[in-house]
C-alpha atoms as a PDB file:
ATOM      1  CA  MET A   1      13.170  -8.618 -15.370  1.00  0.00           C
ATOM      2  CA  ALA A   2      11.982 -11.810 -17.003  1.00  0.00           C
ATOM      3  CA  ASP A   3       8.663 -11.805 -15.101  1.00  0.00           C
ATOM      4  CA  SER A   4       5.943 -10.443 -17.412  1.00  0.00           C
ATOM      5  CA  LYS A   5       3.351 -10.153 -14.600  1.00  0.00           C
ATOM      6  CA  ARG A   6       3.531  -6.676 -13.166  1.00  0.00           C
ATOM      7  CA  VAL A   7       1.368  -4.658 -10.812  1.00  0.00           C
ATOM      8  CA  THR A   8       0.984  -0.906 -10.615  1.00  0.00           C
ATOM      9  CA  MET A   9       1.868   0.469  -7.157  1.00  0.00           C
ATOM     10  CA  GLY A  10       1.489   4.155  -7.868  1.00  0.00           C
ATOM     11  CA  ARG A  11       2.374   6.890 -10.279  1.00  0.00           C
ATOM     12  CA  ILE A  12       4.685   9.847 -10.496  1.00  0.00           C
ATOM     13  CA  GLY A  13       3.204  13.316 -10.078  1.00  0.00           C
ATOM     14  CA  GLY A  14       4.880  16.506 -11.180  1.00  0.00           C
ATOM     15  CA  PRO A  15       8.411  17.673 -10.444  1.00  0.00           C
ATOM     16  CA  TYR A  16       9.268  18.898  -6.967  1.00  0.00           C
ATOM     17  CA  GLY A  17      12.061  21.392  -6.486  1.00  0.00           C
ATOM     18  CA  ILE A  18      15.144  22.011  -8.637  1.00  0.00           C
ATOM     19  CA  LYS A  19      17.094  18.779  -8.113  1.00  0.00           C
ATOM     20  CA  GLY A  20      14.903  16.313 -10.035  1.00  0.00           C
ATOM     21  CA  TRP A  21      12.664  15.195  -7.197  1.00  0.00           C
ATOM     22  CA  VAL A  22       9.085  14.223  -8.043  1.00  0.00           C
ATOM     23  CA  LYS A  23       5.828  13.816  -6.178  1.00  0.00           C
ATOM     24  CA  LEU A  24       4.701  10.213  -5.665  1.00  0.00           C
ATOM     25  CA  ILE A  25       1.077   9.151  -5.752  1.00  0.00           C
ATOM     26  CA  SER A  26       0.905   5.879  -3.899  1.00  0.00           C
ATOM     27  CA  PHE A  27      -1.766   3.235  -4.520  1.00  0.00           C
ATOM     28  CA  THR A  28      -0.541   1.220  -1.512  1.00  0.00           C
ATOM     29  CA  GLU A  29      -2.066   1.098   1.949  1.00  0.00           C
ATOM     30  CA  PRO A  30      -0.540   2.678   3.902  1.00  0.00           C
ATOM     31  CA  GLN A  31       0.893   5.021   1.305  1.00  0.00           C
ATOM     32  CA  GLU A  32       4.441   4.612   2.685  1.00  0.00           C
ATOM     33  CA  ASN A  33       4.549   0.985   1.556  1.00  0.00           C
ATOM     34  CA  ILE A  34       5.475   2.175  -1.913  1.00  0.00           C
ATOM     35  CA  LEU A  35       8.815   3.271  -0.478  1.00  0.00           C
ATOM     36  CA  GLN A  36       9.787  -0.383   0.145  1.00  0.00           C
ATOM     37  CA  PHE A  37      10.652  -0.717  -3.534  1.00  0.00           C
ATOM     38  CA  ARG A  38      13.737   0.746  -5.226  1.00  0.00           C
ATOM     39  CA  HIS A  39      13.484  -0.737  -8.716  1.00  0.00           C
ATOM     40  CA  TRP A  40      10.581   0.107 -10.977  1.00  0.00           C
ATOM     41  CA  GLN A  41       9.534  -0.284 -14.553  1.00  0.00           C
ATOM     42  CA  VAL A  42       7.637   2.492 -16.326  1.00  0.00           C
ATOM     43  CA  LYS A  43       6.312   3.058 -19.799  1.00  0.00           C
ATOM     44  CA  LEU A  44       7.813   6.137 -21.452  1.00  0.00           C
ATOM     45  CA  GLY A  45       6.297   6.573 -24.878  1.00  0.00           C
ATOM     46  CA  GLN A  46       6.347   3.090 -26.423  1.00  0.00           C
ATOM     47  CA  SER A  47       9.317   1.853 -24.366  1.00  0.00           C
ATOM     48  CA  LEU A  48       9.541   0.093 -21.026  1.00  0.00           C
ATOM     49  CA  VAL A  49      12.219   1.756 -18.923  1.00  0.00           C
ATOM     50  CA  ASP A  50      13.803   0.606 -15.662  1.00  0.00           C
ATOM     51  CA  LEU A  51      14.025   3.236 -12.935  1.00  0.00           C
ATOM     52  CA  GLU A  52      15.878   3.175  -9.673  1.00  0.00           C
ATOM     53  CA  MET A  53      14.629   5.252  -6.747  1.00  0.00           C
ATOM     54  CA  ASP A  54      17.701   6.369  -4.796  1.00  0.00           C
ATOM     55  CA  GLN A  55      16.067   8.790  -2.339  1.00  0.00           C
ATOM     56  CA  HIS A  56      12.615   9.313  -0.894  1.00  0.00           C
ATOM     57  CA  LYS A  57      10.888  10.977   2.007  1.00  0.00           C
ATOM     58  CA  GLN A  58       7.596  12.004   3.482  1.00  0.00           C
ATOM     59  CA  HIS A  59       6.662  15.578   2.621  1.00  0.00           C
ATOM     60  CA  GLY A  60       3.630  16.910   4.438  1.00  0.00           C
ATOM     61  CA  LYS A  61       0.834  14.431   3.845  1.00  0.00           C
ATOM     62  CA  GLY A  62       2.461  13.145   0.642  1.00  0.00           C
ATOM     63  CA  LEU A  63       5.650  11.543  -0.602  1.00  0.00           C
ATOM     64  CA  ILE A  64       8.491  12.765  -2.773  1.00  0.00           C
ATOM     65  CA  ALA A  65      11.301  10.802  -4.417  1.00  0.00           C
ATOM     66  CA  HIS A  66      14.353  11.039  -6.639  1.00  0.00           C
ATOM     67  CA  PHE A  67      15.209   8.605  -9.440  1.00  0.00           C
ATOM     68  CA  VAL A  68      18.746   7.958 -10.661  1.00  0.00           C
ATOM     69  CA  GLY A  69      19.570  10.025 -13.772  1.00  0.00           C
ATOM     70  CA  TYR A  70      16.742  12.530 -13.342  1.00  0.00           C
ATOM     71  CA  ASP A  71      18.586  15.383 -11.684  1.00  0.00           C
ATOM     72  CA  ASP A  72      16.748  18.502 -12.776  1.00  0.00           C
ATOM     73  CA  PRO A  73      13.139  19.620 -13.232  1.00  0.00           C
ATOM     74  CA  GLU A  74      13.266  19.225 -17.023  1.00  0.00           C
ATOM     75  CA  SER A  75      14.326  15.567 -16.915  1.00  0.00           C
ATOM     76  CA  ALA A  76      11.980  14.847 -14.005  1.00  0.00           C
ATOM     77  CA  ARG A  77       9.087  16.324 -16.020  1.00  0.00           C
ATOM     78  CA  ARG A  78       9.482  13.420 -18.542  1.00  0.00           C
ATOM     79  CA  LEU A  79       8.351  11.121 -15.748  1.00  0.00           C
ATOM     80  CA  ASN A  80       5.181  13.102 -15.072  1.00  0.00           C
ATOM     81  CA  ASP A  81       2.113  10.904 -14.743  1.00  0.00           C
ATOM     82  CA  VAL A  82       3.870   7.570 -15.511  1.00  0.00           C
ATOM     83  CA  GLU A  83       2.739   4.478 -13.603  1.00  0.00           C
ATOM     84  CA  LEU A  84       5.229   2.739 -11.323  1.00  0.00           C
ATOM     85  CA  THR A  85       5.111  -1.040 -11.731  1.00  0.00           C
ATOM     86  CA  VAL A  86       6.912  -3.907 -10.040  1.00  0.00           C
ATOM     87  CA  ALA A  87       7.062  -7.605 -10.777  1.00  0.00           C
ATOM     88  CA  THR A  88       4.400  -9.486  -8.802  1.00  0.00           C
ATOM     89  CA  ASP A  89       7.054 -11.864  -7.458  1.00  0.00           C
ATOM     90  CA  ALA A  90       8.734  -8.842  -5.763  1.00  0.00           C
ATOM     91  CA  LEU A  91       5.661  -8.235  -3.582  1.00  0.00           C
ATOM     92  CA  PRO A  92       5.776  -9.370   0.060  1.00  0.00           C
ATOM     93  CA  ASP A  93       4.073 -12.635   0.853  1.00  0.00           C
ATOM     94  CA  LEU A  94       0.659 -12.288   2.448  1.00  0.00           C
ATOM     95  CA  GLY A  95      -1.167 -14.327   5.042  1.00  0.00           C
ATOM     96  CA  GLU A  96      -3.369 -17.206   4.024  1.00  0.00           C
ATOM     97  CA  GLU A  97      -6.602 -15.180   4.065  1.00  0.00           C
ATOM     98  CA  ASP A  98      -5.087 -12.005   2.533  1.00  0.00           C
ATOM     99  CA  TYR A  99      -5.064 -10.982  -1.120  1.00  0.00           C
ATOM    100  CA  TYR A 100      -3.691  -8.244  -3.279  1.00  0.00           C
ATOM    101  CA  TRP A 101      -6.376  -6.413  -5.177  1.00  0.00           C
ATOM    102  CA  TYR A 102      -4.840  -7.355  -8.539  1.00  0.00           C
ATOM    103  CA  GLN A 103      -5.327 -11.010  -7.620  1.00  0.00           C
ATOM    104  CA  LEU A 104      -9.073 -10.529  -7.224  1.00  0.00           C
ATOM    105  CA  ALA A 105      -9.680  -8.640 -10.470  1.00  0.00           C
ATOM    106  CA  GLY A 106     -11.128 -11.017 -13.077  1.00  0.00           C
ATOM    107  CA  LEU A 107     -12.341 -13.680 -10.639  1.00  0.00           C
ATOM    108  CA  GLN A 108     -15.801 -15.070 -11.210  1.00  0.00           C
ATOM    109  CA  VAL A 109     -18.326 -14.182  -8.487  1.00  0.00           C
ATOM    110  CA  VAL A 110     -20.895 -16.818  -7.539  1.00  0.00           C
ATOM    111  CA  THR A 111     -23.485 -16.767  -4.775  1.00  0.00           C
ATOM    112  CA  VAL A 112     -23.622 -19.488  -2.119  1.00  0.00           C
ATOM    113  CA  SER A 113     -26.743 -20.758  -3.899  1.00  0.00           C
ATOM    114  CA  GLY A 114     -24.870 -21.078  -7.222  1.00  0.00           C
ATOM    115  CA  HIS A 115     -25.965 -17.973  -9.161  1.00  0.00           C
ATOM    116  CA  VAL A 116     -23.247 -16.417 -11.279  1.00  0.00           C
ATOM    117  CA  LEU A 117     -23.173 -12.639 -10.680  1.00  0.00           C
ATOM    118  CA  GLY A 118     -20.243 -11.796 -12.970  1.00  0.00           C
ATOM    119  CA  LYS A 119     -16.546 -11.048 -12.628  1.00  0.00           C
ATOM    120  CA  VAL A 120     -14.661  -8.725 -10.303  1.00  0.00           C
ATOM    121  CA  GLU A 121     -13.912  -5.663 -12.422  1.00  0.00           C
ATOM    122  CA  LYS A 122     -12.099  -3.732  -9.695  1.00  0.00           C
ATOM    123  CA  LEU A 123     -12.221  -2.865  -6.029  1.00  0.00           C
ATOM    124  CA  LEU A 124     -13.122   0.415  -4.424  1.00  0.00           C
ATOM    125  CA  GLU A 125     -11.829   1.721  -1.146  1.00  0.00           C
ATOM    126  CA  THR A 126     -14.546   3.252   1.001  1.00  0.00           C
ATOM    127  CA  GLY A 127     -14.442   4.527   4.538  1.00  0.00           C
ATOM    128  CA  ALA A 128     -16.248   1.554   6.008  1.00  0.00           C
ATOM    129  CA  ASN A 129     -14.890  -1.345   3.977  1.00  0.00           C
ATOM    130  CA  ASP A 130     -13.582  -2.185   0.522  1.00  0.00           C
ATOM    131  CA  VAL A 131     -16.138  -2.990  -2.194  1.00  0.00           C
ATOM    132  CA  LEU A 132     -16.016  -5.485  -5.067  1.00  0.00           C
ATOM    133  CA  VAL A 133     -17.252  -3.984  -8.316  1.00  0.00           C
ATOM    134  CA  VAL A 134     -18.772  -6.971 -10.144  1.00  0.00           C
ATOM    135  CA  ALA A 135     -19.506  -6.591 -13.850  1.00  0.00           C
ATOM    136  CA  SER A 136     -21.973  -8.898 -15.570  1.00  0.00           C
ATOM    137  CA  THR A 137     -20.800 -11.556 -18.018  1.00  0.00           C
ATOM    138  CA  VAL A 138     -22.526 -13.839 -20.496  1.00  0.00           C
ATOM    139  CA  GLU A 139     -22.923 -16.423 -17.713  1.00  0.00           C
ATOM    140  CA  SER A 140     -24.415 -13.932 -15.235  1.00  0.00           C
ATOM    141  CA  VAL A 141     -27.946 -14.271 -13.934  1.00  0.00           C
ATOM    142  CA  ASP A 142     -28.679 -10.749 -15.303  1.00  0.00           C
ATOM    143  CA  ASP A 143     -26.850  -7.748 -16.803  1.00  0.00           C
ATOM    144  CA  ARG A 144     -26.537  -5.677 -13.607  1.00  0.00           C
ATOM    145  CA  GLU A 145     -23.326  -4.317 -12.181  1.00  0.00           C
ATOM    146  CA  ARG A 146     -23.091  -5.034  -8.465  1.00  0.00           C
ATOM    147  CA  LEU A 147     -21.203  -3.422  -5.601  1.00  0.00           C
ATOM    148  CA  ILE A 148     -20.573  -6.110  -3.002  1.00  0.00           C
ATOM    149  CA  PRO A 149     -18.940  -5.281   0.311  1.00  0.00           C
ATOM    150  CA  TRP A 150     -15.597  -7.020   0.959  1.00  0.00           C
ATOM    151  CA  LEU A 151     -16.500  -8.529   4.310  1.00  0.00           C
ATOM    152  CA  PRO A 152     -14.691 -11.859   4.661  1.00  0.00           C
ATOM    153  CA  GLY A 153     -16.689 -14.372   6.682  1.00  0.00           C
ATOM    154  CA  ARG A 154     -19.891 -12.347   6.496  1.00  0.00           C
ATOM    155  CA  VAL A 155     -20.402 -11.636   2.781  1.00  0.00           C
ATOM    156  CA  VAL A 156     -17.296 -13.117   1.155  1.00  0.00           C
ATOM    157  CA  LYS A 157     -17.452 -16.799   2.039  1.00  0.00           C
ATOM    158  CA  GLU A 158     -14.604 -18.172  -0.096  1.00  0.00           C
ATOM    159  CA  VAL A 159     -11.837 -16.988  -2.367  1.00  0.00           C
ATOM    160  CA  SER A 160     -10.100 -19.543  -4.555  1.00  0.00           C
ATOM    161  CA  LEU A 161      -7.348 -18.167  -6.767  1.00  0.00           C
ATOM    162  CA  GLU A 162      -6.779 -21.702  -8.087  1.00  0.00           C
ATOM    163  CA  ARG A 163     -10.419 -21.997  -9.224  1.00  0.00           C
ATOM    164  CA  ASN A 164     -10.648 -18.308 -10.261  1.00  0.00           C
ATOM    165  CA  LEU A 165     -13.633 -17.912  -7.936  1.00  0.00           C
ATOM    166  CA  VAL A 166     -15.195 -15.744  -5.226  1.00  0.00           C
ATOM    167  CA  VAL A 167     -18.225 -17.178  -3.384  1.00  0.00           C
ATOM    168  CA  VAL A 168     -20.458 -14.577  -1.742  1.00  0.00           C
ATOM    169  CA  ASP A 169     -23.527 -14.583   0.480  1.00  0.00           C
ATOM    170  CA  TRP A 170     -25.211 -12.031  -1.801  1.00  0.00           C
ATOM    171  CA  GLU A 171     -28.306 -12.987  -3.703  1.00  0.00           C
ATOM    172  CA  PRO A 172     -29.119 -11.560  -7.177  1.00  0.00           C
ATOM    173  CA  ASP A 173     -32.120  -9.588  -5.890  1.00  0.00           C
ATOM    174  CA  TYR A 174     -30.223  -7.747  -3.106  1.00  0.00           C
ATOM    175  CA  LEU A 175     -30.602  -3.982  -3.416  1.00  0.00           C
ATOM    176  CA  ALA A 176     -32.949  -4.450  -6.388  1.00  0.00           C
END
């Protein structure tokens, strides 16, 4: 694909069975959403390789799949632990107030009173709600890493992908 922007949707676990099937570790929510995609790109050694998933199914609490050309455990083992990526333009469109996690990573986080807290490093999934992990930057009010709950409307007041910005109702001295 010509699109250079890619997002990791999961990774391949070890081989499963004798016909080249592999275990899938999904990073999607719910985990079955990874099965919506047939065409993947993976890094094998120093090369980017296109893969096509031709079969898949739920197996217990997990997922297993088969990729074209990987028809025995030995060939499937070459895929062990590789990340499955898709072009971002292949992802389903979201609602106006919804975001993919990859879109939030790197956005600057500013309080409603104008204090720069840092940039979104990553997000964590917790039982109660997702959490923004905000790393300090040169512009930050201090050098602390912050864990800010992803609570739109309550804590997260605004997200602007165009301005590369998240505005939060979270002052620098919270949880100090």
